[in-house]
């Protein structure tokens, strides 16, 4: 669905999907799905989640080298908060969230 709307799936497009006010119907999906939900392990508990946040920052700045100054800039923090507001809370999941969700 997202590829049909955005083409390439990347952090910038995931952000755009996360802030789409109409949820899945506006993204080309079923209304029953509600809003876009991103699944990322908690970066404070899982190195994969931390890597995801670093990758998102690198794409936001369009460069592979980021600094503490970059990730503490108010405009980046606002963008990251918008993106992360779509993260599904799986409080009872282990550090291996994707494996927990596997059918």
C-alpha atoms as a PDB file:
ATOM      1  CA  UNK A   1       0.000   0.000   0.000  1.00  0.00           C
ATOM      2  CA  UNK A   2       2.671   2.503   0.955  1.00  0.00           C
ATOM      3  CA  UNK A   3       4.717   1.718  -2.134  1.00  0.00           C
ATOM      4  CA  UNK A   4       1.708   2.509  -4.319  1.00  0.00           C
ATOM      5  CA  UNK A   5       1.359   5.923  -2.663  1.00  0.00           C
ATOM      6  CA  UNK A   6       4.997   6.870  -2.035  1.00  0.00           C
ATOM      7  CA  UNK A   7       7.133   4.624  -4.197  1.00  0.00           C
ATOM      8  CA  UNK A   8      10.270   3.889  -2.225  1.00  0.00           C
ATOM      9  CA  UNK A   9       9.795   2.982   1.420  1.00  0.00           C
ATOM     10  CA  UNK A  10      12.189   5.059   3.493  1.00  0.00           C
ATOM     11  CA  UNK A  11      12.154   6.981   6.772  1.00  0.00           C
ATOM     12  CA  UNK A  12      10.944  10.192   5.143  1.00  0.00           C
ATOM     13  CA  UNK A  13       7.966   8.396   3.596  1.00  0.00           C
ATOM     14  CA  UNK A  14       7.279   6.496   6.810  1.00  0.00           C
ATOM     15  CA  UNK A  15       7.138   9.877   8.545  1.00  0.00           C
ATOM     16  CA  UNK A  16       4.660  11.151   5.951  1.00  0.00           C
ATOM     17  CA  UNK A  17       2.516   8.034   6.456  1.00  0.00           C
ATOM     18  CA  UNK A  18       2.668   8.509  10.228  1.00  0.00           C
ATOM     19  CA  UNK A  19       1.318  12.066  10.031  1.00  0.00           C
ATOM     20  CA  UNK A  20      -1.409  11.334   7.465  1.00  0.00           C
ATOM     21  CA  UNK A  21      -4.518  12.601   9.261  1.00  0.00           C
ATOM     22  CA  UNK A  22      -6.967  10.221   7.594  1.00  0.00           C
ATOM     23  CA  UNK A  23      -5.041   7.072   8.429  1.00  0.00           C
ATOM     24  CA  UNK A  24      -5.056   4.037   6.162  1.00  0.00           C
ATOM     25  CA  UNK A  25      -7.928   5.174   3.922  1.00  0.00           C
ATOM     26  CA  UNK A  26      -5.766   8.156   2.866  1.00  0.00           C
ATOM     27  CA  UNK A  27      -2.819   5.809   2.357  1.00  0.00           C
ATOM     28  CA  UNK A  28      -4.754   3.455   0.089  1.00  0.00           C
ATOM     29  CA  UNK A  29      -5.656   0.902   2.738  1.00  0.00           C
ATOM     30  CA  UNK A  30      -8.753  -0.366   4.489  1.00  0.00           C
ATOM     31  CA  UNK A  31     -10.513   1.997   6.903  1.00  0.00           C
ATOM     32  CA  UNK A  32     -10.761  -0.864   9.415  1.00  0.00           C
ATOM     33  CA  UNK A  33      -6.978  -0.705   9.817  1.00  0.00           C
ATOM     34  CA  UNK A  34      -7.254   2.713  11.498  1.00  0.00           C
ATOM     35  CA  UNK A  35      -4.130   4.816  11.541  1.00  0.00           C
ATOM     36  CA  UNK A  36      -0.647   3.890  10.339  1.00  0.00           C
ATOM     37  CA  UNK A  37       1.264   2.006  13.037  1.00  0.00           C
ATOM     38  CA  UNK A  38       5.034   1.679  12.974  1.00  0.00           C
ATOM     39  CA  UNK A  39       6.694  -1.155  14.874  1.00  0.00           C
ATOM     40  CA  UNK A  40      10.185  -0.294  16.093  1.00  0.00           C
ATOM     41  CA  UNK A  41      11.827  -1.868  19.144  1.00  0.00           C
ATOM     42  CA  UNK A  42      12.324   0.507  22.040  1.00  0.00           C
ATOM     43  CA  UNK A  43      15.712   2.169  21.394  1.00  0.00           C
ATOM     44  CA  UNK A  44      16.369   2.254  25.150  1.00  0.00           C
ATOM     45  CA  UNK A  45      16.013  -1.528  25.380  1.00  0.00           C
ATOM     46  CA  UNK A  46      17.097  -2.863  22.003  1.00  0.00           C
ATOM     47  CA  UNK A  47      20.071  -2.063  19.810  1.00  0.00           C
ATOM     48  CA  UNK A  48      17.866  -2.624  16.749  1.00  0.00           C
ATOM     49  CA  UNK A  49      15.605   0.208  17.867  1.00  0.00           C
ATOM     50  CA  UNK A  50      18.606   2.452  18.412  1.00  0.00           C
ATOM     51  CA  UNK A  51      19.927   1.553  14.956  1.00  0.00           C
ATOM     52  CA  UNK A  52      16.530   2.419  13.470  1.00  0.00           C
ATOM     53  CA  UNK A  53      16.600   5.859  15.096  1.00  0.00           C
ATOM     54  CA  UNK A  54      20.163   6.497  13.890  1.00  0.00           C
ATOM     55  CA  UNK A  55      19.149   5.437  10.371  1.00  0.00           C
ATOM     56  CA  UNK A  56      16.131   7.757  10.504  1.00  0.00           C
ATOM     57  CA  UNK A  57      18.381  10.648  11.562  1.00  0.00           C
ATOM     58  CA  UNK A  58      20.822   9.898   8.765  1.00  0.00           C
ATOM     59  CA  UNK A  59      18.021   9.985   6.226  1.00  0.00           C
ATOM     60  CA  UNK A  60      16.530  13.135   7.739  1.00  0.00           C
ATOM     61  CA  UNK A  61      19.864  14.911   7.310  1.00  0.00           C
ATOM     62  CA  UNK A  62      20.649  13.070   4.054  1.00  0.00           C
ATOM     63  CA  UNK A  63      24.119  12.056   5.190  1.00  0.00           C
ATOM     64  CA  UNK A  64      25.722   9.054   6.899  1.00  0.00           C
ATOM     65  CA  UNK A  65      27.460  10.992   9.666  1.00  0.00           C
ATOM     66  CA  UNK A  66      25.313  12.451  12.409  1.00  0.00           C
ATOM     67  CA  UNK A  67      26.287  14.028  15.688  1.00  0.00           C
ATOM     68  CA  UNK A  68      24.766  14.592  19.087  1.00  0.00           C
ATOM     69  CA  UNK A  69      24.149  18.181  17.971  1.00  0.00           C
ATOM     70  CA  UNK A  70      22.154  16.880  14.996  1.00  0.00           C
ATOM     71  CA  UNK A  71      19.891  14.611  17.025  1.00  0.00           C
ATOM     72  CA  UNK A  72      19.208  17.271  19.653  1.00  0.00           C
ATOM     73  CA  UNK A  73      18.116  20.010  17.240  1.00  0.00           C
ATOM     74  CA  UNK A  74      14.510  21.033  17.914  1.00  0.00           C
ATOM     75  CA  UNK A  75      13.392  20.606  14.291  1.00  0.00           C
ATOM     76  CA  UNK A  76      14.746  17.050  14.158  1.00  0.00           C
ATOM     77  CA  UNK A  77      13.192  16.184  17.534  1.00  0.00           C
ATOM     78  CA  UNK A  78       9.818  17.482  16.299  1.00  0.00           C
ATOM     79  CA  UNK A  79      10.104  15.348  13.140  1.00  0.00           C
ATOM     80  CA  UNK A  80      11.153  12.286  15.150  1.00  0.00           C
ATOM     81  CA  UNK A  81       8.298  12.763  17.633  1.00  0.00           C
ATOM     82  CA  UNK A  82       5.802  12.887  14.744  1.00  0.00           C
ATOM     83  CA  UNK A  83       7.270   9.674  13.327  1.00  0.00           C
ATOM     84  CA  UNK A  84       7.444   7.890  16.651  1.00  0.00           C
ATOM     85  CA  UNK A  85       3.901   8.881  17.592  1.00  0.00           C
ATOM     86  CA  UNK A  86       2.785   6.101  15.249  1.00  0.00           C
ATOM     87  CA  UNK A  87       4.846   3.435  17.013  1.00  0.00           C
ATOM     88  CA  UNK A  88       2.715   0.655  18.408  1.00  0.00           C
ATOM     89  CA  UNK A  89       3.210   0.086  22.120  1.00  0.00           C
ATOM     90  CA  UNK A  90       3.840  -3.580  22.707  1.00  0.00           C
ATOM     91  CA  UNK A  91       4.672  -3.321  26.388  1.00  0.00           C
ATOM     92  CA  UNK A  92       4.622  -7.038  27.008  1.00  0.00           C
ATOM     93  CA  UNK A  93       6.882  -7.882  24.078  1.00  0.00           C
ATOM     94  CA  UNK A  94      10.453  -9.006  24.499  1.00  0.00           C
ATOM     95  CA  UNK A  95      13.469  -7.208  23.079  1.00  0.00           C
ATOM     96  CA  UNK A  96      12.793  -9.081  19.823  1.00  0.00           C
ATOM     97  CA  UNK A  97       9.478  -7.450  18.882  1.00  0.00           C
ATOM     98  CA  UNK A  98       9.383  -8.562  15.239  1.00  0.00           C
ATOM     99  CA  UNK A  99       9.922 -12.174  16.284  1.00  0.00           C
ATOM    100  CA  UNK A 100       7.143 -11.851  18.881  1.00  0.00           C
ATOM    101  CA  UNK A 101       4.699 -10.806  16.160  1.00  0.00           C
ATOM    102  CA  UNK A 102       5.595 -13.577  13.743  1.00  0.00           C
ATOM    103  CA  UNK A 103       2.704 -15.929  13.053  1.00  0.00           C
END
